[in-house]
Amino acid sequence: MGEKTVKTIEDIARLANVSKSTVSRALSDSSLVKQETKDLIKKIASENDFCINQSARSLSIKQSKTIAFVTHAYYNEYFSIEDLFGLEIMGGISNGLYGLGYDLLVIHVKPGDTRWAHEYLDSGRVDGFILMTSCRKIKHVKTLADAQAPFIVWGFPPEDYDCCSVAGDDVKGGKIATEYLIRSGRKNVGFIGGPADEIEVQHRMKGYRSAMEAAGVGMDPSLMVHGDYSHASGKIAMEQLLQQRPDVDAVFVNSDLMAIGAINVIQKFGKRVPEDIAVVGYDDLTIAAYNNLPLTTISQKIAMAGKLLAQNLVQYIQTGLVSHVTIPVELVVRESA
């Protein structure tokens, strides 16, 4: 009889094309592993008379009690946006994990990298992932799903992936921001969005469109510009908007940082905020209240969102329950509109 080709969990993982941690979970009948994957792994083990070393299995699936916060790499060629939103939501996540006895590890990933999930999961360094990337989000979600990794997404998950998520009510946010500007007597309300292909931006635009159509105004492409959430892109977008529509008298901006940049440009052009052009931002970052001109904005209740990301991921790790939560939003009125 020939020598057995399956001697270790690594051998099964190679044959099943999954991670070692997935094999460990499957052999312990974890609810976190899809049934078809469990069946394949158990079939390979049975056909090769694989006898698991219980102490080794226990070691391989031992919880680290650490969760990874996955964000963009700090490389200008990949993503150069100031991530104040990420820093503030990370505070909420840390608070939520602390109450559950977990630690937080921050990892930065490049848009095209697909190895990081296996590296952190197979080494036992983390028990799960909180995915905060927007650039190449679909690719990162696929990476985690293929690795059978426990994870949760900030924002709405891509179609075809039934994963845990926490998101803001972006349609309502866009609607109430625009309605407020229209009610204040503004006639030409501009829209400065984040990247046009992001679902959150599309939802905020849907809310903007709904409010404009309800007011009998309709959509005007000349009133719409996109940036990348950064202060610099807010300045560029506002300059473009003023060139396209010198008569713009209000603008709904998809991030507080972009809104502050837009205000800088409006004032540079010799116009007053809010008298000539009213500005409403989005997120309600701490800086919004302490800006030279305190910013009217849409609050996403960032601390609450972070805490829910932590709690719902740990719940999934412990029970396998997939949850989708939408955070209510509200208008916070200050001096810019």
C-alpha atoms as a PDB file:
ATOM      1  CA  MET A   1       0.000   0.000   0.000  1.00  0.00           C
ATOM      2  CA  GLY A   2       1.358   3.418  -0.963  1.00  0.00           C
ATOM      3  CA  GLU A   3       2.121   6.118   1.552  1.00  0.00           C
ATOM      4  CA  LYS A   4      -0.852   8.297   2.524  1.00  0.00           C
ATOM      5  CA  THR A   5      -0.921  11.660   0.749  1.00  0.00           C
ATOM      6  CA  VAL A   6      -3.077  13.292   3.424  1.00  0.00           C
ATOM      7  CA  LYS A   7      -1.285  13.551   6.725  1.00  0.00           C
ATOM      8  CA  THR A   8      -2.091  17.048   7.931  1.00  0.00           C
ATOM      9  CA  ILE A   9      -4.756  19.733   7.844  1.00  0.00           C
ATOM     10  CA  GLU A  10      -2.532  21.560   5.354  1.00  0.00           C
ATOM     11  CA  ASP A  11      -2.865  18.609   2.958  1.00  0.00           C
ATOM     12  CA  ILE A  12      -6.657  18.700   3.126  1.00  0.00           C
ATOM     13  CA  ALA A  13      -6.647  22.479   2.709  1.00  0.00           C
ATOM     14  CA  ARG A  14      -4.543  22.111  -0.446  1.00  0.00           C
ATOM     15  CA  LEU A  15      -6.819  19.454  -1.957  1.00  0.00           C
ATOM     16  CA  ALA A  16     -10.009  21.339  -1.076  1.00  0.00           C
ATOM     17  CA  ASN A  17      -8.505  24.699  -2.125  1.00  0.00           C
ATOM     18  CA  VAL A  18      -9.453  26.349   1.176  1.00  0.00           C
ATOM     19  CA  SER A  19      -7.583  27.738   4.166  1.00  0.00           C
ATOM     20  CA  LYS A  20      -6.335  25.666   7.117  1.00  0.00           C
ATOM     21  CA  SER A  21      -8.718  27.488   9.418  1.00  0.00           C
ATOM     22  CA  THR A  22     -11.630  26.506   7.171  1.00  0.00           C
ATOM     23  CA  VAL A  23     -10.594  22.851   7.390  1.00  0.00           C
ATOM     24  CA  SER A  24     -10.410  23.102  11.183  1.00  0.00           C
ATOM     25  CA  ARG A  25     -13.850  24.678  11.370  1.00  0.00           C
ATOM     26  CA  ALA A  26     -15.358  22.165   8.934  1.00  0.00           C
ATOM     27  CA  LEU A  27     -14.031  19.173  10.877  1.00  0.00           C
ATOM     28  CA  SER A  28     -15.554  20.649  14.054  1.00  0.00           C
ATOM     29  CA  ASP A  29     -18.855  21.169  12.171  1.00  0.00           C
ATOM     30  CA  SER A  30     -18.775  24.966  12.545  1.00  0.00           C
ATOM     31  CA  SER A  31     -21.802  26.889  11.251  1.00  0.00           C
ATOM     32  CA  LEU A  32     -19.411  29.447   9.745  1.00  0.00           C
ATOM     33  CA  VAL A  33     -18.485  27.028   6.926  1.00  0.00           C
ATOM     34  CA  LYS A  34     -20.872  26.389   4.023  1.00  0.00           C
ATOM     35  CA  GLN A  35     -22.370  22.910   4.037  1.00  0.00           C
ATOM     36  CA  GLU A  36     -20.993  22.013   0.603  1.00  0.00           C
ATOM     37  CA  THR A  37     -17.493  22.971   1.760  1.00  0.00           C
ATOM     38  CA  LYS A  38     -17.870  20.915   4.946  1.00  0.00           C
ATOM     39  CA  ASP A  39     -19.061  17.929   2.909  1.00  0.00           C
ATOM     40  CA  LEU A  40     -16.051  18.177   0.568  1.00  0.00           C
ATOM     41  CA  ILE A  41     -13.549  18.460   3.436  1.00  0.00           C
ATOM     42  CA  LYS A  42     -15.084  15.570   5.364  1.00  0.00           C
ATOM     43  CA  LYS A  43     -15.122  13.435   2.193  1.00  0.00           C
ATOM     44  CA  ILE A  44     -11.407  14.078   1.611  1.00  0.00           C
ATOM     45  CA  ALA A  45     -10.650  13.258   5.253  1.00  0.00           C
ATOM     46  CA  SER A  46     -12.732  10.056   5.154  1.00  0.00           C
ATOM     47  CA  GLU A  47     -11.303   8.799   1.859  1.00  0.00           C
ATOM     48  CA  ASN A  48      -7.777   9.234   3.203  1.00  0.00           C
ATOM     49  CA  ASP A  49      -8.447   7.764   6.673  1.00  0.00           C
ATOM     50  CA  PHE A  50      -7.427  11.090   8.160  1.00  0.00           C
ATOM     51  CA  CYS A  51      -7.387  11.070  11.948  1.00  0.00           C
ATOM     52  CA  ILE A  52      -7.297  14.569  13.369  1.00  0.00           C
ATOM     53  CA  ASN A  53      -4.912  15.339  16.179  1.00  0.00           C
ATOM     54  CA  GLN A  54      -7.285  16.838  18.736  1.00  0.00           C
ATOM     55  CA  SER A  55      -4.647  18.923  20.508  1.00  0.00           C
ATOM     56  CA  ALA A  56      -3.374  20.259  17.192  1.00  0.00           C
ATOM     57  CA  ARG A  57      -6.936  21.042  16.067  1.00  0.00           C
ATOM     58  CA  SER A  58      -7.663  22.854  19.283  1.00  0.00           C
ATOM     59  CA  LEU A  59      -4.518  24.904  18.844  1.00  0.00           C
ATOM     60  CA  SER A  60      -5.321  25.678  15.206  1.00  0.00           C
ATOM     61  CA  ILE A  61      -8.822  26.980  15.972  1.00  0.00           C
ATOM     62  CA  LYS A  62      -7.982  28.641  19.269  1.00  0.00           C
ATOM     63  CA  GLN A  63      -9.478  32.103  19.328  1.00  0.00           C
ATOM     64  CA  SER A  64      -7.085  35.019  19.309  1.00  0.00           C
ATOM     65  CA  LYS A  65      -9.792  37.337  20.703  1.00  0.00           C
ATOM     66  CA  THR A  66      -8.581  39.881  18.154  1.00  0.00           C
ATOM     67  CA  ILE A  67     -10.515  41.498  15.298  1.00  0.00           C
ATOM     68  CA  ALA A  68      -8.856  43.095  12.266  1.00  0.00           C
ATOM     69  CA  PHE A  69      -9.935  46.526  11.017  1.00  0.00           C
ATOM     70  CA  VAL A  70      -9.217  46.398   7.281  1.00  0.00           C
ATOM     71  CA  THR A  71      -8.570  49.753   5.627  1.00  0.00           C
ATOM     72  CA  HIS A  72      -6.703  51.210   2.670  1.00  0.00           C
ATOM     73  CA  ALA A  73      -2.939  51.042   2.358  1.00  0.00           C
ATOM     74  CA  TYR A  74      -1.043  54.239   3.116  1.00  0.00           C
ATOM     75  CA  TYR A  75       0.344  54.645  -0.373  1.00  0.00           C
ATOM     76  CA  ASN A  76      -0.423  57.715  -2.449  1.00  0.00           C
ATOM     77  CA  GLU A  77      -0.563  55.667  -5.632  1.00  0.00           C
ATOM     78  CA  TYR A  78      -3.355  53.577  -4.148  1.00  0.00           C
ATOM     79  CA  PHE A  79      -5.398  55.834  -1.892  1.00  0.00           C
ATOM     80  CA  SER A  80      -4.496  59.310  -0.734  1.00  0.00           C
ATOM     81  CA  ILE A  81      -7.680  60.373   1.046  1.00  0.00           C
ATOM     82  CA  GLU A  82      -7.567  61.741   4.590  1.00  0.00           C
ATOM     83  CA  ASP A  83      -9.414  59.084   6.547  1.00  0.00           C
ATOM     84  CA  LEU A  84     -10.916  61.011   9.437  1.00  0.00           C
ATOM     85  CA  PHE A  85     -14.133  59.010   9.076  1.00  0.00           C
ATOM     86  CA  GLY A  86     -12.162  55.768   9.444  1.00  0.00           C
ATOM     87  CA  LEU A  87     -10.433  57.053  12.563  1.00  0.00           C
ATOM     88  CA  GLU A  88     -13.710  58.059  14.204  1.00  0.00           C
ATOM     89  CA  ILE A  89     -15.570  54.843  13.399  1.00  0.00           C
ATOM     90  CA  MET A  90     -12.550  52.883  14.614  1.00  0.00           C
ATOM     91  CA  GLY A  91     -13.058  54.529  18.011  1.00  0.00           C
ATOM     92  CA  GLY A  92     -16.582  53.117  18.134  1.00  0.00           C
ATOM     93  CA  ILE A  93     -15.341  49.695  17.041  1.00  0.00           C
ATOM     94  CA  SER A  94     -12.638  49.684  19.717  1.00  0.00           C
ATOM     95  CA  ASN A  95     -15.193  50.598  22.366  1.00  0.00           C
ATOM     96  CA  GLY A  96     -17.514  47.801  21.255  1.00  0.00           C
ATOM     97  CA  LEU A  97     -14.746  45.196  21.176  1.00  0.00           C
ATOM     98  CA  TYR A  98     -13.414  46.234  24.585  1.00  0.00           C
ATOM     99  CA  GLY A  99     -16.780  45.480  26.147  1.00  0.00           C
ATOM    100  CA  LEU A 100     -16.694  41.997  24.594  1.00  0.00           C
ATOM    101  CA  GLY A 101     -13.125  41.194  25.633  1.00  0.00           C
ATOM    102  CA  TYR A 102     -11.610  41.552  22.158  1.00  0.00           C
ATOM    103  CA  ASP A 103      -8.608  43.519  20.919  1.00  0.00           C
ATOM    104  CA  LEU A 104      -8.375  45.480  17.656  1.00  0.00           C
ATOM    105  CA  LEU A 105      -5.665  45.094  15.026  1.00  0.00           C
ATOM    106  CA  VAL A 106      -5.440  47.572  12.118  1.00  0.00           C
ATOM    107  CA  ILE A 107      -4.247  46.215   8.778  1.00  0.00           C
ATOM    108  CA  HIS A 108      -3.731  48.192   5.573  1.00  0.00           C
ATOM    109  CA  VAL A 109      -4.308  46.440   2.249  1.00  0.00           C
ATOM    110  CA  LYS A 110      -3.501  47.390  -1.309  1.00  0.00           C
ATOM    111  CA  PRO A 111      -6.412  47.345  -3.772  1.00  0.00           C
ATOM    112  CA  GLY A 112      -5.072  44.370  -5.733  1.00  0.00           C
ATOM    113  CA  ASP A 113      -3.772  42.240  -2.850  1.00  0.00           C
ATOM    114  CA  THR A 114      -5.698  38.985  -2.247  1.00  0.00           C
ATOM    115  CA  ARG A 115      -3.271  37.241   0.140  1.00  0.00           C
ATOM    116  CA  TRP A 116      -3.854  39.211   3.322  1.00  0.00           C
ATOM    117  CA  ALA A 117      -6.992  37.332   4.471  1.00  0.00           C
ATOM    118  CA  HIS A 118      -5.254  33.940   4.484  1.00  0.00           C
ATOM    119  CA  GLU A 119      -2.116  35.368   6.076  1.00  0.00           C
ATOM    120  CA  TYR A 120      -3.965  36.779   9.086  1.00  0.00           C
ATOM    121  CA  LEU A 121      -6.588  34.029   9.426  1.00  0.00           C
ATOM    122  CA  ASP A 122      -4.361  30.972   8.929  1.00  0.00           C
ATOM    123  CA  SER A 123      -1.759  32.303  11.347  1.00  0.00           C
ATOM    124  CA  GLY A 124      -4.434  32.608  14.030  1.00  0.00           C
ATOM    125  CA  ARG A 125      -3.659  36.304  14.535  1.00  0.00           C
ATOM    126  CA  VAL A 126      -7.303  37.351  14.148  1.00  0.00           C
ATOM    127  CA  ASP A 127     -10.752  35.774  14.489  1.00  0.00           C
ATOM    128  CA  GLY A 128     -12.520  37.995  11.980  1.00  0.00           C
ATOM    129  CA  PHE A 129     -12.418  41.145   9.857  1.00  0.00           C
ATOM    130  CA  ILE A 130     -14.231  44.496   9.735  1.00  0.00           C
ATOM    131  CA  LEU A 131     -13.969  45.662   6.133  1.00  0.00           C
ATOM    132  CA  MET A 132     -13.826  49.441   5.696  1.00  0.00           C
ATOM    133  CA  THR A 133     -12.341  49.724   2.207  1.00  0.00           C
ATOM    134  CA  SER A 134     -14.306  51.410  -0.568  1.00  0.00           C
ATOM    135  CA  CYS A 135     -11.688  51.156  -3.319  1.00  0.00           C
ATOM    136  CA  ARG A 136     -12.010  47.633  -4.804  1.00  0.00           C
ATOM    137  CA  LYS A 137     -14.576  46.680  -2.121  1.00  0.00           C
ATOM    138  CA  ILE A 138     -16.042  43.870  -4.244  1.00  0.00           C
ATOM    139  CA  LYS A 139     -12.617  42.283  -4.674  1.00  0.00           C
ATOM    140  CA  HIS A 140     -11.916  42.414  -0.927  1.00  0.00           C
ATOM    141  CA  VAL A 141     -15.336  40.955  -0.097  1.00  0.00           C
ATOM    142  CA  LYS A 142     -14.680  38.112  -2.549  1.00  0.00           C
ATOM    143  CA  THR A 143     -11.278  37.501  -0.953  1.00  0.00           C
ATOM    144  CA  LEU A 144     -12.841  37.142   2.502  1.00  0.00           C
ATOM    145  CA  ALA A 145     -15.766  35.057   1.271  1.00  0.00           C
ATOM    146  CA  ASP A 146     -13.482  32.672  -0.637  1.00  0.00           C
ATOM    147  CA  ALA A 147     -11.361  32.255   2.503  1.00  0.00           C
ATOM    148  CA  GLN A 148     -14.513  31.379   4.513  1.00  0.00           C
ATOM    149  CA  ALA A 149     -13.441  34.160   6.869  1.00  0.00           C
ATOM    150  CA  PRO A 150     -15.811  35.682   9.427  1.00  0.00           C
ATOM    151  CA  PHE A 151     -16.275  39.333   8.394  1.00  0.00           C
ATOM    152  CA  ILE A 152     -18.612  42.313   8.384  1.00  0.00           C
ATOM    153  CA  VAL A 153     -18.810  45.206   5.912  1.00  0.00           C
ATOM    154  CA  TRP A 154     -19.385  48.902   6.536  1.00  0.00           C
ATOM    155  CA  GLY A 155     -21.889  49.994   3.898  1.00  0.00           C
ATOM    156  CA  PHE A 156     -24.139  47.881   1.746  1.00  0.00           C
ATOM    157  CA  PRO A 157     -22.451  44.632   0.644  1.00  0.00           C
ATOM    158  CA  PRO A 158     -22.062  43.873  -3.056  1.00  0.00           C
ATOM    159  CA  GLU A 159     -24.821  41.850  -4.679  1.00  0.00           C
ATOM    160  CA  ASP A 160     -24.459  38.053  -4.514  1.00  0.00           C
ATOM    161  CA  TYR A 161     -22.706  38.193  -1.114  1.00  0.00           C
ATOM    162  CA  ASP A 162     -24.871  37.511   1.930  1.00  0.00           C
ATOM    163  CA  CYS A 163     -22.442  38.843   4.512  1.00  0.00           C
ATOM    164  CA  CYS A 164     -22.948  40.812   7.718  1.00  0.00           C
ATOM    165  CA  SER A 165     -23.219  44.556   7.200  1.00  0.00           C
ATOM    166  CA  VAL A 166     -23.879  47.864   8.924  1.00  0.00           C
ATOM    167  CA  ALA A 167     -24.777  50.839   6.749  1.00  0.00           C
ATOM    168  CA  GLY A 168     -26.164  54.350   7.011  1.00  0.00           C
ATOM    169  CA  ASP A 169     -29.551  55.188   5.479  1.00  0.00           C
ATOM    170  CA  ASP A 170     -27.999  57.021   2.557  1.00  0.00           C
ATOM    171  CA  VAL A 171     -31.188  57.488   0.532  1.00  0.00           C
ATOM    172  CA  LYS A 172     -32.878  59.220   3.455  1.00  0.00           C
ATOM    173  CA  GLY A 173     -29.717  61.217   4.179  1.00  0.00           C
ATOM    174  CA  GLY A 174     -29.592  62.576   0.642  1.00  0.00           C
ATOM    175  CA  LYS A 175     -33.302  63.350   0.711  1.00  0.00           C
ATOM    176  CA  ILE A 176     -33.437  65.243   4.013  1.00  0.00           C
ATOM    177  CA  ALA A 177     -30.312  67.267   3.177  1.00  0.00           C
ATOM    178  CA  THR A 178     -31.776  68.368  -0.159  1.00  0.00           C
ATOM    179  CA  GLU A 179     -35.260  68.979   1.269  1.00  0.00           C
ATOM    180  CA  TYR A 180     -33.773  71.243   3.924  1.00  0.00           C
ATOM    181  CA  LEU A 181     -31.971  73.333   1.312  1.00  0.00           C
ATOM    182  CA  ILE A 182     -35.111  73.593  -0.844  1.00  0.00           C
ATOM    183  CA  ARG A 183     -37.263  74.577   2.149  1.00  0.00           C
ATOM    184  CA  SER A 184     -34.804  77.375   2.944  1.00  0.00           C
ATOM    185  CA  GLY A 185     -35.674  78.939  -0.408  1.00  0.00           C
ATOM    186  CA  ARG A 186     -32.775  77.706  -2.538  1.00  0.00           C
ATOM    187  CA  LYS A 187     -33.552  77.281  -6.237  1.00  0.00           C
ATOM    188  CA  ASN A 188     -30.383  75.763  -7.729  1.00  0.00           C
ATOM    189  CA  VAL A 189     -29.188  73.010  -5.399  1.00  0.00           C
ATOM    190  CA  GLY A 190     -25.942  71.352  -6.474  1.00  0.00           C
ATOM    191  CA  PHE A 191     -24.729  67.832  -5.673  1.00  0.00           C
ATOM    192  CA  ILE A 192     -21.067  67.025  -4.965  1.00  0.00           C
ATOM    193  CA  GLY A 193     -20.784  63.269  -4.630  1.00  0.00           C
ATOM    194  CA  GLY A 194     -18.089  60.792  -3.778  1.00  0.00           C
ATOM    195  CA  PRO A 195     -16.956  58.279  -6.452  1.00  0.00           C
ATOM    196  CA  ALA A 196     -19.877  57.736  -8.826  1.00  0.00           C
ATOM    197  CA  ASP A 197     -19.556  53.934  -8.844  1.00  0.00           C
ATOM    198  CA  GLU A 198     -19.994  53.547  -5.069  1.00  0.00           C
ATOM    199  CA  ILE A 199     -23.404  52.324  -3.937  1.00  0.00           C
ATOM    200  CA  GLU A 200     -23.477  54.750  -0.976  1.00  0.00           C
ATOM    201  CA  VAL A 201     -23.017  57.672  -3.372  1.00  0.00           C
ATOM    202  CA  GLN A 202     -25.691  56.306  -5.696  1.00  0.00           C
ATOM    203  CA  HIS A 203     -28.099  56.042  -2.757  1.00  0.00           C
ATOM    204  CA  ARG A 204     -27.399  59.631  -1.665  1.00  0.00           C
ATOM    205  CA  MET A 205     -27.976  60.760  -5.236  1.00  0.00           C
ATOM    206  CA  LYS A 206     -31.265  58.851  -5.265  1.00  0.00           C
ATOM    207  CA  GLY A 207     -32.366  60.802  -2.180  1.00  0.00           C
ATOM    208  CA  TYR A 208     -31.229  64.066  -3.793  1.00  0.00           C
ATOM    209  CA  ARG A 209     -33.156  63.227  -6.964  1.00  0.00           C
ATOM    210  CA  SER A 210     -36.282  62.347  -4.990  1.00  0.00           C
ATOM    211  CA  ALA A 211     -36.288  65.687  -3.166  1.00  0.00           C
ATOM    212  CA  MET A 212     -35.594  67.674  -6.339  1.00  0.00           C
ATOM    213  CA  GLU A 213     -38.359  65.931  -8.284  1.00  0.00           C
ATOM    214  CA  ALA A 214     -40.818  66.366  -5.412  1.00  0.00           C
ATOM    215  CA  ALA A 215     -40.099  70.098  -5.556  1.00  0.00           C
ATOM    216  CA  GLY A 216     -40.802  70.110  -9.299  1.00  0.00           C
ATOM    217  CA  VAL A 217     -37.181  70.847 -10.176  1.00  0.00           C
ATOM    218  CA  GLY A 218     -35.888  67.576 -11.592  1.00  0.00           C
ATOM    219  CA  MET A 219     -32.311  66.491 -12.234  1.00  0.00           C
ATOM    220  CA  ASP A 220     -29.858  68.807 -13.984  1.00  0.00           C
ATOM    221  CA  PRO A 221     -26.466  67.235 -14.874  1.00  0.00           C
ATOM    222  CA  SER A 222     -24.834  70.671 -14.791  1.00  0.00           C
ATOM    223  CA  LEU A 223     -25.526  70.797 -11.031  1.00  0.00           C
ATOM    224  CA  MET A 224     -23.755  67.489 -10.342  1.00  0.00           C
ATOM    225  CA  VAL A 225     -20.026  66.878  -9.785  1.00  0.00           C
ATOM    226  CA  HIS A 226     -18.070  64.015  -8.179  1.00  0.00           C
ATOM    227  CA  GLY A 227     -14.966  63.892  -5.990  1.00  0.00           C
ATOM    228  CA  ASP A 228     -13.295  61.268  -3.787  1.00  0.00           C
ATOM    229  CA  TYR A 229     -14.373  62.367  -0.269  1.00  0.00           C
ATOM    230  CA  SER A 230     -11.171  64.371   0.299  1.00  0.00           C
ATOM    231  CA  HIS A 231     -10.817  68.060   1.170  1.00  0.00           C
ATOM    232  CA  ALA A 232      -8.839  68.663  -2.030  1.00  0.00           C
ATOM    233  CA  SER A 233     -11.460  67.029  -4.248  1.00  0.00           C
ATOM    234  CA  GLY A 234     -14.156  69.130  -2.586  1.00  0.00           C
ATOM    235  CA  LYS A 235     -12.308  72.279  -3.651  1.00  0.00           C
ATOM    236  CA  ILE A 236     -11.857  71.030  -7.210  1.00  0.00           C
ATOM    237  CA  ALA A 237     -15.495  69.929  -7.466  1.00  0.00           C
ATOM    238  CA  MET A 238     -16.801  73.261  -6.145  1.00  0.00           C
ATOM    239  CA  GLU A 239     -14.682  75.190  -8.637  1.00  0.00           C
ATOM    240  CA  GLN A 240     -16.094  73.035 -11.432  1.00  0.00           C
ATOM    241  CA  LEU A 241     -19.641  73.508 -10.165  1.00  0.00           C
ATOM    242  CA  LEU A 242     -19.257  77.290 -10.026  1.00  0.00           C
ATOM    243  CA  GLN A 243     -17.901  77.297 -13.573  1.00  0.00           C
ATOM    244  CA  GLN A 244     -20.786  75.153 -14.814  1.00  0.00           C
ATOM    245  CA  ARG A 245     -23.488  76.923 -12.825  1.00  0.00           C
ATOM    246  CA  PRO A 246     -22.551  80.387 -11.526  1.00  0.00           C
ATOM    247  CA  ASP A 247     -26.137  80.654 -10.277  1.00  0.00           C
ATOM    248  CA  VAL A 248     -25.828  77.730  -7.827  1.00  0.00           C
ATOM    249  CA  ASP A 249     -27.169  78.877  -4.453  1.00  0.00           C
ATOM    250  CA  ALA A 250     -26.825  75.689  -2.393  1.00  0.00           C
ATOM    251  CA  VAL A 251     -24.881  72.455  -2.464  1.00  0.00           C
ATOM    252  CA  PHE A 252     -25.296  69.044  -0.844  1.00  0.00           C
ATOM    253  CA  VAL A 253     -21.825  67.537  -0.383  1.00  0.00           C
ATOM    254  CA  ASN A 254     -21.193  63.818   0.263  1.00  0.00           C
ATOM    255  CA  SER A 255     -18.563  64.237   2.984  1.00  0.00           C
ATOM    256  CA  ASP A 256     -17.704  66.812   5.617  1.00  0.00           C
ATOM    257  CA  LEU A 257     -14.133  67.109   4.363  1.00  0.00           C
ATOM    258  CA  MET A 258     -15.322  67.831   0.831  1.00  0.00           C
ATOM    259  CA  ALA A 259     -17.867  70.308   2.231  1.00  0.00           C
ATOM    260  CA  ILE A 260     -15.158  72.236   4.092  1.00  0.00           C
ATOM    261  CA  GLY A 261     -13.116  72.334   0.891  1.00  0.00           C
ATOM    262  CA  ALA A 262     -16.166  73.596  -0.998  1.00  0.00           C
ATOM    263  CA  ILE A 263     -16.691  76.380   1.554  1.00  0.00           C
ATOM    264  CA  ASN A 264     -13.060  77.454   1.126  1.00  0.00           C
ATOM    265  CA  VAL A 265     -13.595  77.847  -2.637  1.00  0.00           C
ATOM    266  CA  ILE A 266     -16.949  79.636  -2.268  1.00  0.00           C
ATOM    267  CA  GLN A 267     -15.317  82.212   0.003  1.00  0.00           C
ATOM    268  CA  LYS A 268     -12.317  82.493  -2.315  1.00  0.00           C
ATOM    269  CA  PHE A 269     -14.736  83.430  -5.116  1.00  0.00           C
ATOM    270  CA  GLY A 270     -16.026  86.293  -2.947  1.00  0.00           C
ATOM    271  CA  LYS A 271     -19.330  84.657  -2.050  1.00  0.00           C
ATOM    272  CA  ARG A 272     -20.804  84.256   1.428  1.00  0.00           C
ATOM    273  CA  VAL A 273     -21.849  81.036   3.186  1.00  0.00           C
ATOM    274  CA  PRO A 274     -24.723  80.584   3.752  1.00  0.00           C
ATOM    275  CA  GLU A 275     -26.115  83.898   2.457  1.00  0.00           C
ATOM    276  CA  ASP A 276     -25.076  83.355  -1.184  1.00  0.00           C
ATOM    277  CA  ILE A 277     -24.480  79.585  -1.189  1.00  0.00           C
ATOM    278  CA  ALA A 278     -25.658  77.250   1.576  1.00  0.00           C
ATOM    279  CA  VAL A 279     -23.642  74.086   2.224  1.00  0.00           C
ATOM    280  CA  VAL A 280     -24.728  70.776   3.807  1.00  0.00           C
ATOM    281  CA  GLY A 281     -22.116  68.058   4.406  1.00  0.00           C
ATOM    282  CA  TYR A 282     -22.316  64.381   5.328  1.00  0.00           C
ATOM    283  CA  ASP A 283     -21.034  62.228   8.245  1.00  0.00           C
ATOM    284  CA  ASP A 284     -20.975  64.715  11.143  1.00  0.00           C
ATOM    285  CA  LEU A 285     -17.286  64.285  11.864  1.00  0.00           C
ATOM    286  CA  THR A 286     -16.006  66.013  15.000  1.00  0.00           C
ATOM    287  CA  ILE A 287     -14.325  68.609  12.793  1.00  0.00           C
ATOM    288  CA  ALA A 288     -17.749  69.655  11.431  1.00  0.00           C
ATOM    289  CA  ALA A 289     -18.697  71.276  14.737  1.00  0.00           C
ATOM    290  CA  TYR A 290     -15.310  72.949  15.232  1.00  0.00           C
ATOM    291  CA  ASN A 291     -14.709  74.268  11.723  1.00  0.00           C
ATOM    292  CA  ASN A 292     -14.294  78.066  11.424  1.00  0.00           C
ATOM    293  CA  LEU A 293     -17.804  78.015  10.019  1.00  0.00           C
ATOM    294  CA  PRO A 294     -19.592  75.157  11.852  1.00  0.00           C
ATOM    295  CA  LEU A 295     -21.015  72.786   9.273  1.00  0.00           C
ATOM    296  CA  THR A 296     -24.632  71.773   8.794  1.00  0.00           C
ATOM    297  CA  THR A 297     -24.443  68.076   7.984  1.00  0.00           C
ATOM    298  CA  ILE A 298     -26.071  64.653   7.993  1.00  0.00           C
ATOM    299  CA  SER A 299     -25.125  62.607  11.056  1.00  0.00           C
ATOM    300  CA  GLN A 300     -24.474  58.895  10.536  1.00  0.00           C
ATOM    301  CA  LYS A 301     -24.000  58.347  14.275  1.00  0.00           C
ATOM    302  CA  ILE A 302     -20.465  57.149  13.685  1.00  0.00           C
ATOM    303  CA  ALA A 303     -19.761  55.908  17.229  1.00  0.00           C
ATOM    304  CA  MET A 304     -22.936  53.812  17.212  1.00  0.00           C
ATOM    305  CA  ALA A 305     -22.081  52.400  13.790  1.00  0.00           C
ATOM    306  CA  GLY A 306     -18.623  51.333  14.987  1.00  0.00           C
ATOM    307  CA  LYS A 307     -20.007  49.653  18.081  1.00  0.00           C
ATOM    308  CA  LEU A 308     -22.563  47.723  16.016  1.00  0.00           C
ATOM    309  CA  LEU A 309     -19.869  46.577  13.587  1.00  0.00           C
ATOM    310  CA  ALA A 310     -17.944  45.109  16.517  1.00  0.00           C
ATOM    311  CA  GLN A 311     -20.921  43.526  18.271  1.00  0.00           C
ATOM    312  CA  ASN A 312     -22.498  42.015  15.169  1.00  0.00           C
ATOM    313  CA  LEU A 313     -19.225  40.507  13.936  1.00  0.00           C
ATOM    314  CA  VAL A 314     -18.566  38.858  17.300  1.00  0.00           C
ATOM    315  CA  GLN A 315     -22.162  37.603  17.302  1.00  0.00           C
ATOM    316  CA  TYR A 316     -21.547  36.053  13.864  1.00  0.00           C
ATOM    317  CA  ILE A 317     -18.319  34.405  15.027  1.00  0.00           C
ATOM    318  CA  GLN A 318     -20.121  32.889  17.993  1.00  0.00           C
ATOM    319  CA  THR A 319     -23.433  31.920  16.356  1.00  0.00           C
ATOM    320  CA  GLY A 320     -23.159  32.109  12.568  1.00  0.00           C
ATOM    321  CA  LEU A 321     -26.069  34.608  12.485  1.00  0.00           C
ATOM    322  CA  VAL A 322     -25.836  36.940   9.467  1.00  0.00           C
ATOM    323  CA  SER A 323     -27.163  40.422  10.298  1.00  0.00           C
ATOM    324  CA  HIS A 324     -27.871  43.530   8.232  1.00  0.00           C
ATOM    325  CA  VAL A 325     -28.344  46.793  10.129  1.00  0.00           C
ATOM    326  CA  THR A 326     -29.236  50.216   8.731  1.00  0.00           C
ATOM    327  CA  ILE A 327     -28.288  53.152  10.947  1.00  0.00           C
ATOM    328  CA  PRO A 328     -30.831  56.020  11.036  1.00  0.00           C
ATOM    329  CA  VAL A 329     -29.511  59.410   9.933  1.00  0.00           C
ATOM    330  CA  GLU A 330     -30.473  62.918  10.968  1.00  0.00           C
ATOM    331  CA  LEU A 331     -29.871  66.511   9.944  1.00  0.00           C
ATOM    332  CA  VAL A 332     -27.639  68.530  12.287  1.00  0.00           C
ATOM    333  CA  VAL A 333     -28.184  72.248  11.649  1.00  0.00           C
ATOM    334  CA  ARG A 334     -25.264  74.616  12.244  1.00  0.00           C
ATOM    335  CA  GLU A 335     -24.100  77.795  10.498  1.00  0.00           C
ATOM    336  CA  SER A 336     -23.277  76.745   6.913  1.00  0.00           C
ATOM    337  CA  ALA A 337     -26.930  76.332   5.883  1.00  0.00           C
END
